[in-house]
Amino acid sequence: MATVYYYCPDVSVRSAGIRTIYRHVGHLVRNGLKAAVLHHEAGFRMPDVPEVPVRYIVPALSVERSDVLVFPEGYANIMQQLKDMPMRKVVFCQNWSYVFRAGTGWKGYGIERVLA
């Protein structure tokens, strides 16, 4: 079964967007899907968020081609850095204005869809 990874930046800031990422993962897990929040550095923990599975890019994350990586819309630099990860990639767009800031470069990062 494929795993859905929601990329979440390693920032300890209270953010509605970050809470939404954690809530989405919680909903997926409660409905029988494999899902996890994906932080960058091992051991990073967000304060005051729902308890969900968390995985880390560093050290090396083991992924399958059928896995899905979901990026927040404001992180084109991370999309570019992770473009060669062998998995499906989508953008979760919570703020439509970021779509235009990123330009049309998302397809070049291997993004196949934008969820809004």
N, C-alpha and C. Protein backbone atom coordinates (compact mmCIF):
# COMPACT_ATOMS: atom_id res chain seq x y z
N MET A 1 0.85 -1.18 0.00
CA MET A 1 0.00 0.00 0.00
C MET A 1 0.89 1.24 0.00
N ALA A 2 0.57 2.18 -0.84
CA ALA A 2 1.33 3.43 -0.94
C ALA A 2 1.16 4.26 0.33
N THR A 3 2.17 5.04 0.62
CA THR A 3 2.13 5.98 1.74
C THR A 3 2.01 7.39 1.19
N VAL A 4 1.17 8.21 1.82
CA VAL A 4 1.04 9.62 1.48
C VAL A 4 1.84 10.41 2.50
N TYR A 5 2.86 11.12 2.02
CA TYR A 5 3.70 11.96 2.88
C TYR A 5 3.34 13.42 2.65
N TYR A 6 3.02 14.13 3.71
CA TYR A 6 2.79 15.58 3.63
C TYR A 6 4.04 16.27 4.13
N TYR A 7 4.76 16.94 3.22
CA TYR A 7 5.95 17.68 3.64
C TYR A 7 5.53 18.84 4.55
N CYS A 8 6.27 19.00 5.65
CA CYS A 8 6.01 20.08 6.59
C CYS A 8 7.34 20.70 6.99
N PRO A 9 7.50 22.02 6.85
CA PRO A 9 8.77 22.64 7.19
C PRO A 9 9.09 22.49 8.68
N ASP A 10 10.38 22.42 8.98
CA ASP A 10 10.85 22.32 10.36
C ASP A 10 10.88 23.71 11.00
N VAL A 11 9.73 24.25 11.28
CA VAL A 11 9.63 25.55 11.96
C VAL A 11 8.69 25.40 13.14
N SER A 12 9.08 25.91 14.28
CA SER A 12 8.26 25.80 15.49
C SER A 12 7.38 27.03 15.66
N VAL A 13 6.61 27.33 14.65
CA VAL A 13 5.73 28.49 14.66
C VAL A 13 4.30 27.99 14.64
N ARG A 14 3.46 28.55 15.46
CA ARG A 14 2.03 28.19 15.40
C ARG A 14 1.48 28.69 14.08
N SER A 15 0.94 27.77 13.31
CA SER A 15 0.48 28.10 11.97
C SER A 15 -0.75 27.28 11.64
N ALA A 16 -1.78 27.95 11.14
CA ALA A 16 -2.99 27.23 10.73
C ALA A 16 -2.68 26.27 9.59
N GLY A 17 -1.78 26.66 8.67
CA GLY A 17 -1.41 25.79 7.56
C GLY A 17 -0.74 24.51 8.04
N ILE A 18 0.15 24.63 9.01
CA ILE A 18 0.83 23.45 9.54
C ILE A 18 -0.16 22.56 10.29
N ARG A 19 -1.05 23.16 11.06
CA ARG A 19 -2.08 22.37 11.75
C ARG A 19 -2.95 21.63 10.73
N THR A 20 -3.24 22.27 9.61
CA THR A 20 -4.05 21.64 8.56
C THR A 20 -3.32 20.43 7.98
N ILE A 21 -2.03 20.55 7.77
CA ILE A 21 -1.23 19.41 7.29
C ILE A 21 -1.37 18.24 8.26
N TYR A 22 -1.18 18.50 9.55
CA TYR A 22 -1.30 17.45 10.56
C TYR A 22 -2.72 16.87 10.60
N ARG A 23 -3.73 17.72 10.47
CA ARG A 23 -5.11 17.23 10.48
C ARG A 23 -5.39 16.36 9.26
N HIS A 24 -4.89 16.76 8.08
CA HIS A 24 -5.10 15.95 6.88
C HIS A 24 -4.51 14.56 7.07
N VAL A 25 -3.29 14.49 7.59
CA VAL A 25 -2.65 13.19 7.82
C VAL A 25 -3.48 12.38 8.81
N GLY A 26 -3.96 13.01 9.86
CA GLY A 26 -4.81 12.32 10.83
C GLY A 26 -6.06 11.74 10.20
N HIS A 27 -6.71 12.51 9.33
CA HIS A 27 -7.92 12.03 8.64
C HIS A 27 -7.59 10.82 7.75
N LEU A 28 -6.48 10.90 7.02
CA LEU A 28 -6.11 9.79 6.15
C LEU A 28 -5.86 8.51 6.95
N VAL A 29 -5.12 8.64 8.06
CA VAL A 29 -4.80 7.47 8.89
C VAL A 29 -6.08 6.89 9.50
N ARG A 30 -6.95 7.74 10.02
CA ARG A 30 -8.20 7.26 10.61
C ARG A 30 -9.09 6.55 9.58
N ASN A 31 -8.90 6.86 8.31
CA ASN A 31 -9.70 6.24 7.25
C ASN A 31 -8.97 5.08 6.57
N GLY A 32 -7.94 4.57 7.22
CA GLY A 32 -7.30 3.35 6.77
C GLY A 32 -6.18 3.50 5.75
N LEU A 33 -5.76 4.72 5.46
CA LEU A 33 -4.65 4.92 4.53
C LEU A 33 -3.34 5.07 5.29
N LYS A 34 -2.25 4.72 4.63
CA LYS A 34 -0.93 4.95 5.21
C LYS A 34 -0.54 6.39 4.91
N ALA A 35 -0.25 7.17 5.95
CA ALA A 35 0.12 8.57 5.75
C ALA A 35 1.02 9.01 6.90
N ALA A 36 1.82 10.03 6.63
CA ALA A 36 2.71 10.59 7.64
C ALA A 36 3.07 12.02 7.28
N VAL A 37 3.31 12.81 8.30
CA VAL A 37 3.90 14.14 8.10
C VAL A 37 5.38 13.90 7.85
N LEU A 38 5.94 14.61 6.89
CA LEU A 38 7.35 14.46 6.54
C LEU A 38 8.11 15.72 6.90
N HIS A 39 8.92 15.63 7.96
CA HIS A 39 9.80 16.73 8.34
C HIS A 39 11.18 16.46 7.77
N HIS A 40 12.03 17.46 7.82
CA HIS A 40 13.37 17.31 7.24
C HIS A 40 14.32 16.57 8.18
N GLU A 41 14.58 17.13 9.34
CA GLU A 41 15.60 16.58 10.25
C GLU A 41 15.00 15.62 11.27
N ALA A 42 15.64 14.48 11.44
CA ALA A 42 15.19 13.47 12.41
C ALA A 42 15.07 14.09 13.79
N GLY A 43 13.98 13.75 14.46
CA GLY A 43 13.77 14.21 15.83
C GLY A 43 12.98 15.50 15.95
N PHE A 44 12.79 16.23 14.84
CA PHE A 44 12.04 17.48 14.93
C PHE A 44 10.59 17.17 15.30
N ARG A 45 10.03 17.90 16.22
CA ARG A 45 8.63 17.75 16.63
C ARG A 45 7.96 19.10 16.70
N MET A 46 6.78 19.18 16.16
CA MET A 46 5.97 20.40 16.25
C MET A 46 5.25 20.41 17.59
N PRO A 47 5.24 21.57 18.24
CA PRO A 47 4.46 21.66 19.48
C PRO A 47 2.97 21.84 19.16
N ASP A 48 2.13 21.32 20.02
CA ASP A 48 0.70 21.60 19.97
C ASP A 48 0.03 21.26 18.63
N VAL A 49 0.30 20.05 18.13
CA VAL A 49 -0.36 19.58 16.91
C VAL A 49 -0.96 18.20 17.19
N PRO A 50 -1.92 17.77 16.37
CA PRO A 50 -2.49 16.43 16.57
C PRO A 50 -1.42 15.35 16.48
N GLU A 51 -1.60 14.28 17.22
CA GLU A 51 -0.66 13.15 17.22
C GLU A 51 -0.89 12.31 15.96
N VAL A 52 0.11 12.29 15.08
CA VAL A 52 0.04 11.53 13.83
C VAL A 52 1.41 10.92 13.56
N PRO A 53 1.50 9.96 12.63
CA PRO A 53 2.81 9.43 12.26
C PRO A 53 3.68 10.53 11.65
N VAL A 54 4.96 10.54 12.01
CA VAL A 54 5.91 11.52 11.49
C VAL A 54 7.13 10.75 10.96
N ARG A 55 7.59 11.13 9.78
CA ARG A 55 8.81 10.56 9.19
C ARG A 55 9.74 11.72 8.86
N TYR A 56 10.98 11.36 8.50
CA TYR A 56 12.01 12.39 8.27
C TYR A 56 12.77 12.10 6.98
N ILE A 57 13.16 13.15 6.28
CA ILE A 57 13.98 13.01 5.08
C ILE A 57 15.39 12.61 5.45
N VAL A 58 15.94 13.20 6.51
CA VAL A 58 17.31 12.92 6.97
C VAL A 58 17.22 12.19 8.30
N PRO A 59 17.81 11.00 8.49
CA PRO A 59 18.56 10.27 7.48
C PRO A 59 17.66 9.75 6.37
N ALA A 60 18.26 9.16 5.36
CA ALA A 60 17.58 8.79 4.11
C ALA A 60 16.23 8.12 4.32
N LEU A 61 15.21 8.70 3.72
CA LEU A 61 13.84 8.18 3.75
C LEU A 61 13.72 7.13 2.66
N SER A 62 13.19 5.97 3.00
CA SER A 62 12.97 4.91 2.02
C SER A 62 11.56 5.06 1.45
N VAL A 63 11.46 5.23 0.14
CA VAL A 63 10.16 5.44 -0.50
C VAL A 63 9.96 4.45 -1.64
N GLU A 64 8.70 4.30 -2.01
CA GLU A 64 8.30 3.46 -3.14
C GLU A 64 7.80 4.36 -4.26
N ARG A 65 7.86 3.90 -5.49
CA ARG A 65 7.36 4.69 -6.63
C ARG A 65 5.87 5.01 -6.50
N SER A 66 5.12 4.17 -5.81
CA SER A 66 3.68 4.39 -5.66
C SER A 66 3.35 5.38 -4.55
N ASP A 67 4.34 5.74 -3.72
CA ASP A 67 4.10 6.72 -2.65
C ASP A 67 3.81 8.09 -3.23
N VAL A 68 3.17 8.93 -2.43
CA VAL A 68 2.81 10.27 -2.87
C VAL A 68 3.40 11.29 -1.91
N LEU A 69 4.05 12.31 -2.45
CA LEU A 69 4.61 13.39 -1.65
C LEU A 69 3.79 14.64 -1.92
N VAL A 70 3.20 15.20 -0.85
CA VAL A 70 2.35 16.38 -0.95
C VAL A 70 3.12 17.57 -0.38
N PHE A 71 3.29 18.60 -1.21
CA PHE A 71 4.01 19.80 -0.80
C PHE A 71 3.04 20.94 -0.48
N PRO A 72 3.35 21.77 0.52
CA PRO A 72 2.60 23.02 0.66
C PRO A 72 2.97 23.93 -0.51
N GLU A 73 2.04 24.76 -0.95
CA GLU A 73 2.22 25.56 -2.15
C GLU A 73 3.35 26.58 -2.07
N GLY A 74 3.76 26.99 -0.90
CA GLY A 74 4.77 28.04 -0.78
C GLY A 74 6.20 27.55 -0.76
N TYR A 75 6.45 26.29 -1.05
CA TYR A 75 7.80 25.73 -0.91
C TYR A 75 8.37 25.22 -2.22
N ALA A 76 8.37 26.07 -3.23
CA ALA A 76 8.92 25.68 -4.54
C ALA A 76 10.39 25.27 -4.42
N ASN A 77 11.13 25.89 -3.51
CA ASN A 77 12.54 25.52 -3.34
C ASN A 77 12.68 24.07 -2.87
N ILE A 78 11.79 23.61 -2.00
CA ILE A 78 11.83 22.22 -1.54
C ILE A 78 11.35 21.29 -2.65
N MET A 79 10.36 21.73 -3.42
CA MET A 79 9.90 20.93 -4.57
C MET A 79 11.07 20.68 -5.51
N GLN A 80 11.84 21.73 -5.75
CA GLN A 80 12.99 21.60 -6.64
C GLN A 80 14.04 20.67 -6.04
N GLN A 81 14.32 20.80 -4.74
CA GLN A 81 15.32 19.96 -4.09
C GLN A 81 14.94 18.48 -4.10
N LEU A 82 13.65 18.19 -4.01
CA LEU A 82 13.19 16.81 -3.91
C LEU A 82 12.62 16.27 -5.23
N LYS A 83 12.85 16.98 -6.32
CA LYS A 83 12.25 16.58 -7.60
C LYS A 83 12.69 15.21 -8.08
N ASP A 84 13.85 14.74 -7.66
CA ASP A 84 14.33 13.44 -8.12
C ASP A 84 13.92 12.28 -7.23
N MET A 85 13.19 12.55 -6.15
CA MET A 85 12.69 11.44 -5.32
C MET A 85 11.74 10.60 -6.18
N PRO A 86 11.93 9.29 -6.21
CA PRO A 86 11.14 8.43 -7.10
C PRO A 86 9.74 8.13 -6.55
N MET A 87 8.86 9.13 -6.59
CA MET A 87 7.50 8.97 -6.12
C MET A 87 6.61 10.00 -6.79
N ARG A 88 5.30 9.84 -6.68
CA ARG A 88 4.36 10.82 -7.23
C ARG A 88 4.41 12.08 -6.37
N LYS A 89 4.16 13.24 -7.00
CA LYS A 89 4.22 14.52 -6.27
C LYS A 89 3.02 15.39 -6.63
N VAL A 90 2.44 15.99 -5.59
CA VAL A 90 1.33 16.92 -5.77
C VAL A 90 1.55 18.12 -4.85
N VAL A 91 0.84 19.19 -5.13
CA VAL A 91 0.90 20.40 -4.31
C VAL A 91 -0.46 20.57 -3.63
N PHE A 92 -0.42 20.85 -2.33
CA PHE A 92 -1.62 21.17 -1.56
C PHE A 92 -1.67 22.68 -1.41
N CYS A 93 -2.60 23.30 -2.11
CA CYS A 93 -2.65 24.75 -2.20
C CYS A 93 -3.71 25.32 -1.25
N GLN A 94 -3.25 25.88 -0.14
CA GLN A 94 -4.15 26.50 0.82
C GLN A 94 -4.33 27.99 0.54
N ASN A 95 -3.41 28.58 -0.22
CA ASN A 95 -3.47 30.01 -0.53
C ASN A 95 -3.25 30.17 -2.03
N TRP A 96 -4.29 30.51 -2.76
CA TRP A 96 -4.22 30.57 -4.22
C TRP A 96 -3.16 31.53 -4.73
N SER A 97 -2.81 32.57 -3.97
CA SER A 97 -1.85 33.55 -4.49
C SER A 97 -0.45 32.96 -4.66
N TYR A 98 -0.13 31.90 -3.89
CA TYR A 98 1.18 31.26 -4.04
C TYR A 98 1.31 30.54 -5.38
N VAL A 99 0.19 30.12 -5.94
CA VAL A 99 0.22 29.44 -7.23
C VAL A 99 0.90 30.32 -8.27
N PHE A 100 0.57 31.60 -8.26
CA PHE A 100 1.11 32.53 -9.26
C PHE A 100 2.55 32.91 -8.96
N ARG A 101 2.94 32.94 -7.69
CA ARG A 101 4.33 33.25 -7.33
C ARG A 101 5.27 32.16 -7.81
N ALA A 102 4.81 30.93 -7.80
CA ALA A 102 5.66 29.81 -8.21
C ALA A 102 5.80 29.76 -9.73
N GLY A 103 4.98 30.49 -10.44
CA GLY A 103 5.06 30.46 -11.90
C GLY A 103 4.63 29.11 -12.43
N THR A 104 5.18 28.75 -13.55
CA THR A 104 4.80 27.47 -14.18
C THR A 104 5.87 26.41 -13.94
N GLY A 105 6.79 26.62 -13.02
CA GLY A 105 7.90 25.70 -12.80
C GLY A 105 7.55 24.40 -12.11
N TRP A 106 6.34 24.27 -11.58
CA TRP A 106 6.02 23.07 -10.82
C TRP A 106 6.13 21.80 -11.65
N LYS A 107 5.71 21.82 -12.89
CA LYS A 107 5.81 20.61 -13.72
C LYS A 107 7.26 20.18 -13.87
N GLY A 108 8.16 21.14 -13.90
CA GLY A 108 9.59 20.83 -13.98
C GLY A 108 10.11 20.16 -12.72
N TYR A 109 9.36 20.23 -11.64
CA TYR A 109 9.73 19.57 -10.38
C TYR A 109 9.05 18.22 -10.24
N GLY A 110 8.36 17.78 -11.28
CA GLY A 110 7.69 16.48 -11.25
C GLY A 110 6.32 16.52 -10.62
N ILE A 111 5.76 17.72 -10.41
CA ILE A 111 4.44 17.85 -9.82
C ILE A 111 3.39 17.44 -10.86
N GLU A 112 2.51 16.52 -10.49
CA GLU A 112 1.50 16.08 -11.45
C GLU A 112 0.14 16.72 -11.22
N ARG A 113 -0.14 17.22 -10.01
CA ARG A 113 -1.44 17.81 -9.71
C ARG A 113 -1.31 18.89 -8.63
N VAL A 114 -2.32 19.76 -8.60
CA VAL A 114 -2.44 20.75 -7.53
C VAL A 114 -3.80 20.54 -6.90
N LEU A 115 -3.83 20.34 -5.58
CA LEU A 115 -5.07 20.19 -4.83
C LEU A 115 -5.40 21.53 -4.20
N ALA A 116 -6.62 22.00 -4.39
CA ALA A 116 -7.00 23.28 -3.81
C ALA A 116 -8.31 23.14 -3.05
